[in-house]
PDB file of N, CA and C in Angstrom:
ATOM      1  N   MET A   1       0.596  -1.149  -0.347  1.00  0.00           N
ATOM      2  CA  MET A   1      -0.359   0.080  -0.350  1.00  0.00           C
ATOM      3  C   MET A   1       1.271   1.579  -0.556  1.00  0.00           C
ATOM      4  N   ASP A   2       0.691   2.429  -0.605  1.00  0.00           N
ATOM      5  CA  ASP A   2       1.267   3.317  -1.130  1.00  0.00           C
ATOM      6  C   ASP A   2       1.122   4.324   0.058  1.00  0.00           C
ATOM      7  N   SER A   3       2.149   4.934   0.856  1.00  0.00           N
ATOM      8  CA  SER A   3       1.878   6.749   1.708  1.00  0.00           C
ATOM      9  C   SER A   3       1.441   6.510   2.139  1.00  0.00           C
ATOM     10  N   GLU A   4       0.142   7.761   0.749  1.00  0.00           N
ATOM     11  CA  GLU A   4      -0.769   7.692   0.876  1.00  0.00           C
ATOM     12  C   GLU A   4      -2.143   7.095   2.281  1.00  0.00           C
ATOM     13  N   ASN A   5      -2.353   6.212   1.858  1.00  0.00           N
ATOM     14  CA  ASN A   5      -3.013   5.115   2.508  1.00  0.00           C
ATOM     15  C   ASN A   5      -2.883   4.687   3.135  1.00  0.00           C
ATOM     16  N   SER A   6      -1.820   4.895   3.758  1.00  0.00           N
ATOM     17  CA  SER A   6      -1.480   3.915   5.225  1.00  0.00           C
ATOM     18  C   SER A   6      -1.630   5.047   6.299  1.00  0.00           C
ATOM     19  N   LYS A   7      -2.289   6.121   5.717  1.00  0.00           N
ATOM     20  CA  LYS A   7      -2.512   7.267   6.921  1.00  0.00           C
ATOM     21  C   LYS A   7      -3.162   5.971   7.521  1.00  0.00           C
ATOM     22  N   PHE A   8      -3.807   5.243   6.913  1.00  0.00           N
ATOM     23  CA  PHE A   8      -5.449   4.435   7.506  1.00  0.00           C
ATOM     24  C   PHE A   8      -5.397   3.279   8.549  1.00  0.00           C
ATOM     25  N   GLN A   9      -5.512   3.680   9.799  1.00  0.00           N
ATOM     26  CA  GLN A   9      -4.417   2.872  10.703  1.00  0.00           C
ATOM     27  C   GLN A   9      -5.923   1.990  11.130  1.00  0.00           C
ATOM     28  N   THR A  10      -6.555   2.160  11.117  1.00  0.00           N
ATOM     29  CA  THR A  10      -7.467   1.448  11.569  1.00  0.00           C
ATOM     30  C   THR A  10      -8.495   0.758  11.543  1.00  0.00           C
ATOM     31  N   VAL A  11      -9.305  -0.134  11.251  1.00  0.00           N
ATOM     32  CA  VAL A  11     -10.461  -0.863  10.576  1.00  0.00           C
ATOM     33  C   VAL A  11     -11.881   0.198   9.872  1.00  0.00           C
ATOM     34  N   GLU A  12     -11.655   0.733  11.169  1.00  0.00           N
ATOM     35  CA  GLU A  12     -13.046   2.124  11.037  1.00  0.00           C
ATOM     36  C   GLU A  12     -12.563   3.148   9.641  1.00  0.00           C
ATOM     37  N   GLU A  13     -11.445   3.772  10.453  1.00  0.00           N
ATOM     38  CA  GLU A  13     -10.213   4.831   9.612  1.00  0.00           C
ATOM     39  C   GLU A  13     -10.682   3.980   8.188  1.00  0.00           C
ATOM     40  N   LEU A  14     -10.350   3.319   7.649  1.00  0.00           N
ATOM     41  CA  LEU A  14     -10.406   2.381   6.004  1.00  0.00           C
ATOM     42  C   LEU A  14     -12.440   2.101   5.911  1.00  0.00           C
ATOM     43  N   THR A  15     -12.401   1.545   6.776  1.00  0.00           N
ATOM     44  CA  THR A  15     -13.869   1.613   6.624  1.00  0.00           C
ATOM     45  C   THR A  15     -14.874   2.193   6.066  1.00  0.00           C
ATOM     46  N   LYS A  16     -14.383   4.064   7.017  1.00  0.00           N
ATOM     47  CA  LYS A  16     -14.665   5.078   6.344  1.00  0.00           C
ATOM     48  C   LYS A  16     -14.708   5.329   5.308  1.00  0.00           C
ATOM     49  N   ARG A  17     -13.275   5.521   4.428  1.00  0.00           N
ATOM     50  CA  ARG A  17     -13.517   5.592   3.441  1.00  0.00           C
ATOM     51  C   ARG A  17     -13.569   5.168   2.379  1.00  0.00           C
ATOM     52  N   VAL A  18     -13.479   3.917   2.527  1.00  0.00           N
ATOM     53  CA  VAL A  18     -14.223   3.452   1.895  1.00  0.00           C
ATOM     54  C   VAL A  18     -15.791   3.568   1.271  1.00  0.00           C
ATOM     55  N   ASN A  19     -16.087   3.826   2.489  1.00  0.00           N
ATOM     56  CA  ASN A  19     -17.889   4.282   2.172  1.00  0.00           C
ATOM     57  C   ASN A  19     -17.484   5.650   1.430  1.00  0.00           C
ATOM     58  N   GLU A  20     -16.772   6.495   1.706  1.00  0.00           N
ATOM     59  CA  GLU A  20     -17.188   7.358   1.366  1.00  0.00           C
ATOM     60  C   GLU A  20     -17.563   7.314   0.010  1.00  0.00           C
ATOM     61  N   LEU A  21     -15.584   6.736  -0.547  1.00  0.00           N
ATOM     62  CA  LEU A  21     -15.531   6.433  -2.218  1.00  0.00           C
ATOM     63  C   LEU A  21     -17.114   5.761  -2.987  1.00  0.00           C
ATOM     64  N   TYR A  22     -17.563   4.680  -1.886  1.00  0.00           N
ATOM     65  CA  TYR A  22     -18.462   4.033  -2.477  1.00  0.00           C
ATOM     66  C   TYR A  22     -19.684   5.334  -2.670  1.00  0.00           C
ATOM     67  N   HIS A  23     -20.022   5.506  -1.711  1.00  0.00           N
ATOM     68  CA  HIS A  23     -20.761   6.806  -2.331  1.00  0.00           C
ATOM     69  C   HIS A  23     -20.830   7.832  -3.264  1.00  0.00           C
ATOM     70  N   LYS A  24     -20.036   8.386  -3.360  1.00  0.00           N
ATOM     71  CA  LYS A  24     -19.018   9.216  -4.360  1.00  0.00           C
ATOM     72  C   LYS A  24     -19.234   8.492  -5.837  1.00  0.00           C
ATOM     73  N   SER A  25     -18.722   7.173  -5.742  1.00  0.00           N
ATOM     74  CA  SER A  25     -19.079   6.320  -6.806  1.00  0.00           C
ATOM     75  C   SER A  25     -20.806   6.166  -7.864  1.00  0.00           C
ATOM     76  N   GLN A  26     -21.375   6.040  -6.441  1.00  0.00           N
ATOM     77  CA  GLN A  26     -22.815   5.728  -6.929  1.00  0.00           C
ATOM     78  C   GLN A  26     -23.230   7.585  -6.987  1.00  0.00           C
ATOM     79  N   ALA A  27     -22.944   8.544  -6.493  1.00  0.00           N
ATOM     80  CA  ALA A  27     -23.330   9.515  -7.127  1.00  0.00           C
ATOM     81  C   ALA A  27     -22.996   9.899  -8.198  1.00  0.00           C
ATOM     82  N   GLU A  28     -21.668  10.349  -8.454  1.00  0.00           N
ATOM     83  CA  GLU A  28     -20.911  10.953  -9.744  1.00  0.00           C
ATOM     84  C   GLU A  28     -19.992  10.208 -10.227  1.00  0.00           C
ATOM     85  N   GLY A  29     -19.521   9.309  -9.704  1.00  0.00           N
ATOM     86  CA  GLY A  29     -18.416   8.475 -10.140  1.00  0.00           C
ATOM     87  C   GLY A  29     -16.846   8.612 -10.200  1.00  0.00           C
ATOM     88  N   LEU A  30     -15.966   8.264  -9.902  1.00  0.00           N
ATOM     89  CA  LEU A  30     -14.931   7.499  -9.161  1.00  0.00           C
ATOM     90  C   LEU A  30     -14.047   8.376 -10.753  1.00  0.00           C
ATOM     91  N   THR A  31     -12.633   8.795 -10.316  1.00  0.00           N
ATOM     92  CA  THR A  31     -11.493   9.011 -11.476  1.00  0.00           C
ATOM     93  C   THR A  31     -10.788   7.697 -11.048  1.00  0.00           C
ATOM     94  N   GLU A  32     -10.257   7.797 -11.832  1.00  0.00           N
ATOM     95  CA  GLU A  32      -8.955   7.125 -11.902  1.00  0.00           C
ATOM     96  C   GLU A  32      -8.187   6.071 -11.219  1.00  0.00           C
ATOM     97  N   GLU A  33      -7.901   7.154 -10.408  1.00  0.00           N
ATOM     98  CA  GLU A  33      -7.310   7.131  -9.412  1.00  0.00           C
ATOM     99  C   GLU A  33      -7.717   6.899  -8.290  1.00  0.00           C
ATOM    100  N   GLU A  34      -9.214   7.295  -7.854  1.00  0.00           N
ATOM    101  CA  GLU A  34      -9.804   6.907  -6.737  1.00  0.00           C
ATOM    102  C   GLU A  34     -10.652   5.836  -7.103  1.00  0.00           C
ATOM    103  N   LYS A  35     -10.659   5.256  -7.820  1.00  0.00           N
ATOM    104  CA  LYS A  35     -10.467   3.460  -8.440  1.00  0.00           C
ATOM    105  C   LYS A  35      -9.523   2.654  -7.572  1.00  0.00           C
ATOM    106  N   GLU A  36      -8.253   3.503  -7.975  1.00  0.00           N
ATOM    107  CA  GLU A  36      -7.059   2.360  -7.698  1.00  0.00           C
ATOM    108  C   GLU A  36      -7.391   2.844  -5.606  1.00  0.00           C
ATOM    109  N   GLU A  37      -7.524   3.931  -5.563  1.00  0.00           N
ATOM    110  CA  GLU A  37      -7.315   3.468  -3.939  1.00  0.00           C
ATOM    111  C   GLU A  37      -8.271   2.893  -3.509  1.00  0.00           C
ATOM    112  N   GLN A  38      -9.191   3.076  -4.141  1.00  0.00           N
ATOM    113  CA  GLN A  38     -10.586   2.671  -3.298  1.00  0.00           C
ATOM    114  C   GLN A  38     -10.238   0.485  -3.564  1.00  0.00           C
ATOM    115  N   ALA A  39      -9.761  -0.011  -4.602  1.00  0.00           N
ATOM    116  CA  ALA A  39      -8.919  -0.785  -4.588  1.00  0.00           C
ATOM    117  C   ALA A  39      -8.166  -1.488  -3.275  1.00  0.00           C
ATOM    118  N   GLU A  40      -7.055  -0.463  -3.424  1.00  0.00           N
ATOM    119  CA  GLU A  40      -6.184  -0.811  -2.111  1.00  0.00           C
ATOM    120  C   GLU A  40      -6.795  -0.852  -0.832  1.00  0.00           C
ATOM    121  N   LEU A  41      -7.406   0.388  -0.937  1.00  0.00           N
ATOM    122  CA  LEU A  41      -7.841   0.600   0.778  1.00  0.00           C
ATOM    123  C   LEU A  41      -8.655  -0.715   0.658  1.00  0.00           C
ATOM    124  N   ARG A  42      -9.946  -1.314   0.165  1.00  0.00           N
ATOM    125  CA  ARG A  42     -10.457  -2.660   0.169  1.00  0.00           C
ATOM    126  C   ARG A  42      -9.573  -3.770   0.634  1.00  0.00           C
ATOM    127  N   LYS A  43      -8.654  -4.105  -0.121  1.00  0.00           N
ATOM    128  CA  LYS A  43      -6.736  -4.713   0.597  1.00  0.00           C
ATOM    129  C   LYS A  43      -7.167  -4.710   1.409  1.00  0.00           C
ATOM    130  N   ALA A  44      -6.286  -3.281   2.193  1.00  0.00           N
ATOM    131  CA  ALA A  44      -6.107  -3.201   3.417  1.00  0.00           C
ATOM    132  C   ALA A  44      -7.132  -3.547   4.295  1.00  0.00           C
ATOM    133  N   TYR A  45      -8.344  -3.433   3.944  1.00  0.00           N
ATOM    134  CA  TYR A  45      -9.403  -3.624   4.777  1.00  0.00           C
ATOM    135  C   TYR A  45      -9.524  -5.396   5.122  1.00  0.00           C
ATOM    136  N   VAL A  46      -9.322  -5.191   4.143  1.00  0.00           N
ATOM    137  CA  VAL A  46      -9.389  -7.341   4.206  1.00  0.00           C
ATOM    138  C   VAL A  46      -8.463  -7.849   4.597  1.00  0.00           C
ATOM    139  N   ALA A  47      -6.976  -7.302   4.949  1.00  0.00           N
ATOM    140  CA  ALA A  47      -6.009  -7.681   5.248  1.00  0.00           C
ATOM    141  C   ALA A  47      -6.132  -7.360   7.251  1.00  0.00           C
ATOM    142  N   LYS A  48      -6.618  -6.586   7.657  1.00  0.00           N
ATOM    143  CA  LYS A  48      -6.636  -6.190   8.636  1.00  0.00           C
ATOM    144  C   LYS A  48      -7.105  -6.890   9.568  1.00  0.00           C
ATOM    145  N   ILE A  49      -9.102  -7.394   8.803  1.00  0.00           N
ATOM    146  CA  ILE A  49      -9.526  -8.637   9.406  1.00  0.00           C
ATOM    147  C   ILE A  49      -9.058  -9.687   9.313  1.00  0.00           C
ATOM    148  N   ARG A  50      -8.175 -10.146   8.504  1.00  0.00           N
ATOM    149  CA  ARG A  50      -7.749 -11.456   8.339  1.00  0.00           C
ATOM    150  C   ARG A  50      -6.483 -11.453   9.538  1.00  0.00           C
ATOM    151  N   ASN A  51      -6.288 -10.466   9.491  1.00  0.00           N
ATOM    152  CA  ASN A  51      -5.140 -10.617  10.650  1.00  0.00           C
ATOM    153  C   ASN A  51      -5.159 -10.474  12.250  1.00  0.00           C
ATOM    154  N   SER A  52      -6.461  -9.614  12.380  1.00  0.00           N
ATOM    155  CA  SER A  52      -7.488  -9.458  13.734  1.00  0.00           C
ATOM    156  C   SER A  52      -8.020 -11.063  13.960  1.00  0.00           C
ATOM    157  N   LEU A  53      -8.956 -11.885  12.653  1.00  0.00           N
ATOM    158  CA  LEU A  53      -9.310 -12.615  12.683  1.00  0.00           C
ATOM    159  C   LEU A  53      -8.552 -13.729  13.393  1.00  0.00           C
ATOM    160  N   ARG A  54      -7.362 -13.999  13.213  1.00  0.00           N
ATOM    161  CA  ARG A  54      -6.232 -15.603  12.503  1.00  0.00           C
ATOM    162  C   ARG A  54      -5.494 -14.819  14.288  1.00  0.00           C
ATOM    163  N   GLY A  55      -5.455 -13.662  14.835  1.00  0.00           N
ATOM    164  CA  GLY A  55      -4.662 -13.353  16.234  1.00  0.00           C
ATOM    165  C   GLY A  55      -5.951 -14.134  16.951  1.00  0.00           C
ATOM    166  N   GLN A  56      -7.276 -13.645  16.551  1.00  0.00           N
ATOM    167  CA  GLN A  56      -8.344 -14.494  17.993  1.00  0.00           C
ATOM    168  C   GLN A  56      -8.454 -15.856  17.930  1.00  0.00           C
ATOM    169  N   LEU A  57      -8.237 -15.929  16.659  1.00  0.00           N
ATOM    170  CA  LEU A  57      -8.599 -18.032  16.322  1.00  0.00           C
ATOM    171  C   LEU A  57      -7.061 -18.469  16.893  1.00  0.00           C
ATOM    172  N   ASP A  58      -5.509 -17.741  16.992  1.00  0.00           N
ATOM    173  CA  ASP A  58      -4.528 -18.157  17.111  1.00  0.00           C
ATOM    174  C   ASP A  58      -4.263 -18.604  19.057  1.00  0.00           C
ATOM    175  N   ASN A  59      -5.780 -18.005  19.367  1.00  0.00           N
ATOM    176  CA  ASN A  59      -5.448 -18.023  21.037  1.00  0.00           C
ATOM    177  C   ASN A  59      -6.699 -18.873  21.374  1.00  0.00           C
ATOM    178  N   ILE A  60      -7.409 -19.130  20.750  1.00  0.00           N
ATOM    179  CA  ILE A  60      -8.294 -20.230  21.152  1.00  0.00           C
ATOM    180  C   ILE A  60      -7.590 -21.770  21.572  1.00  0.00           C
ATOM    181  N   SER A  61      -7.680 -22.173  22.920  1.00  0.00           N
ATOM    182  CA  SER A  61      -7.483 -23.439  23.850  1.00  0.00           C
ATOM    183  C   SER A  61      -8.790 -24.345  23.854  1.00  0.00           C
ATOM    184  N   ILE A  62      -8.146 -25.676  23.352  1.00  0.00           N
ATOM    185  CA  ILE A  62      -9.302 -26.631  23.239  1.00  0.00           C
ATOM    186  C   ILE A  62      -9.261 -27.640  24.815  1.00  0.00           C
ATOM    187  N   VAL A  63     -10.022 -28.006  25.592  1.00  0.00           N
ATOM    188  CA  VAL A  63     -10.314 -28.676  27.055  1.00  0.00           C
ATOM    189  C   VAL A  63     -10.866 -30.554  26.396  1.00  0.00           C
ATOM    190  N   GLU A  64      -9.505 -30.995  26.020  1.00  0.00           N
ATOM    191  CA  GLU A  64     -10.005 -32.214  25.802  1.00  0.00           C
ATOM    192  C   GLU A  64     -10.602 -33.480  25.877  1.00  0.00           C
ATOM    193  N   LYS A  65     -11.000 -33.968  26.086  1.00  0.00           N
ATOM    194  CA  LYS A  65     -12.015 -35.395  26.868  1.00  0.00           C
ATOM    195  C   LYS A  65     -11.085 -35.806  27.240  1.00  0.00           C
ATOM    196  N   ASP A  66      -9.979 -36.094  28.003  1.00  0.00           N
ATOM    197  CA  ASP A  66      -8.388 -36.832  28.742  1.00  0.00           C
ATOM    198  C   ASP A  66      -8.014 -35.567  29.864  1.00  0.00           C
ATOM    199  N   GLY A  67      -8.878 -34.186  29.370  1.00  0.00           N
ATOM    200  CA  GLY A  67      -8.623 -33.435  30.233  1.00  0.00           C
ATOM    201  C   GLY A  67      -7.078 -32.322  29.909  1.00  0.00           C
ATOM    202  N   SER A  68      -6.243 -32.493  29.074  1.00  0.00           N
ATOM    203  CA  SER A  68      -5.302 -32.075  28.139  1.00  0.00           C
ATOM    204  C   SER A  68      -6.010 -30.273  27.385  1.00  0.00           C
ATOM    205  N   VAL A  69      -5.232 -29.637  27.575  1.00  0.00           N
ATOM    206  CA  VAL A  69      -5.471 -28.516  26.596  1.00  0.00           C
ATOM    207  C   VAL A  69      -4.599 -28.176  25.595  1.00  0.00           C
ATOM    208  N   THR A  70      -5.358 -28.119  24.615  1.00  0.00           N
ATOM    209  CA  THR A  70      -4.577 -27.898  23.350  1.00  0.00           C
ATOM    210  C   THR A  70      -4.618 -26.710  22.512  1.00  0.00           C
ATOM    211  N   ASN A  71      -4.203 -26.152  22.321  1.00  0.00           N
ATOM    212  CA  ASN A  71      -3.697 -24.548  22.253  1.00  0.00           C
ATOM    213  C   ASN A  71      -3.492 -24.109  20.507  1.00  0.00           C
ATOM    214  N   LEU A  72      -5.104 -24.096  19.425  1.00  0.00           N
ATOM    215  CA  LEU A  72      -5.091 -24.271  18.409  1.00  0.00           C
ATOM    216  C   LEU A  72      -4.172 -23.652  17.714  1.00  0.00           C
ATOM    217  N   GLY A  73      -3.669 -22.287  18.239  1.00  0.00           N
ATOM    218  CA  GLY A  73      -2.327 -21.191  17.896  1.00  0.00           C
ATOM    219  C   GLY A  73      -1.275 -22.154  17.410  1.00  0.00           C
ATOM    220  N   GLU A  74      -0.583 -22.872  18.811  1.00  0.00           N
ATOM    221  CA  GLU A  74       0.397 -23.195  18.175  1.00  0.00           C
ATOM    222  C   GLU A  74      -0.031 -24.931  17.562  1.00  0.00           C
ATOM    223  N   LYS A  75      -0.520 -25.154  17.182  1.00  0.00           N
ATOM    224  CA  LYS A  75      -1.295 -26.524  16.784  1.00  0.00           C
ATOM    225  C   LYS A  75      -1.583 -26.137  14.963  1.00  0.00           C
ATOM    226  N   PHE A  76      -1.974 -25.140  14.738  1.00  0.00           N
ATOM    227  CA  PHE A  76      -1.914 -24.809  13.483  1.00  0.00           C
ATOM    228  C   PHE A  76      -2.114 -23.899  13.185  1.00  0.00           C
ATOM    229  N   GLY A  77      -1.804 -22.538  13.936  1.00  0.00           N
ATOM    230  CA  GLY A  77      -1.405 -21.325  13.306  1.00  0.00           C
ATOM    231  C   GLY A  77      -0.334 -21.087  12.809  1.00  0.00           C
ATOM    232  N   LYS A  78       0.176 -20.060  13.732  1.00  0.00           N
ATOM    233  CA  LYS A  78       1.564 -18.728  14.304  1.00  0.00           C
ATOM    234  C   LYS A  78       2.783 -20.075  12.873  1.00  0.00           C
ATOM    235  N   LYS A  79       2.843 -20.336  11.797  1.00  0.00           N
ATOM    236  CA  LYS A  79       3.118 -20.892  11.206  1.00  0.00           C
ATOM    237  C   LYS A  79       4.156 -19.461   9.992  1.00  0.00           C
ATOM    238  N   GLY A  80       3.804 -18.974  10.754  1.00  0.00           N
ATOM    239  CA  GLY A  80       4.216 -17.534   9.365  1.00  0.00           C
ATOM    240  C   GLY A  80       2.856 -16.703   9.359  1.00  0.00           C
ATOM    241  N   THR A  81       2.937 -15.657   8.446  1.00  0.00           N
ATOM    242  CA  THR A  81       2.589 -14.784   8.580  1.00  0.00           C
ATOM    243  C   THR A  81       1.189 -15.190   7.640  1.00  0.00           C
ATOM    244  N   HIS A  82      -0.001 -15.189   7.779  1.00  0.00           N
ATOM    245  CA  HIS A  82      -1.706 -15.239   6.450  1.00  0.00           C
ATOM    246  C   HIS A  82      -1.587 -14.114   5.557  1.00  0.00           C
TER     247      HIS A  82
END
């Protein structure tokens, strides 16, 4: 993502800008530059959501029938960046 779009640090900020571009596209259309920005922001949004979900899933532990605890993050996740 280029430096202009890296100013959006949170999912909420990304969502706000994506929505602004969406509403503009419906009302009057977007320039090619705005279409590219919209595509980059959507990719950044999906990446942030995936990373957040992966972080949550990596912290799930299951208590097995024998009483042992299996940490799913250690078993399946955290093999590198997803």
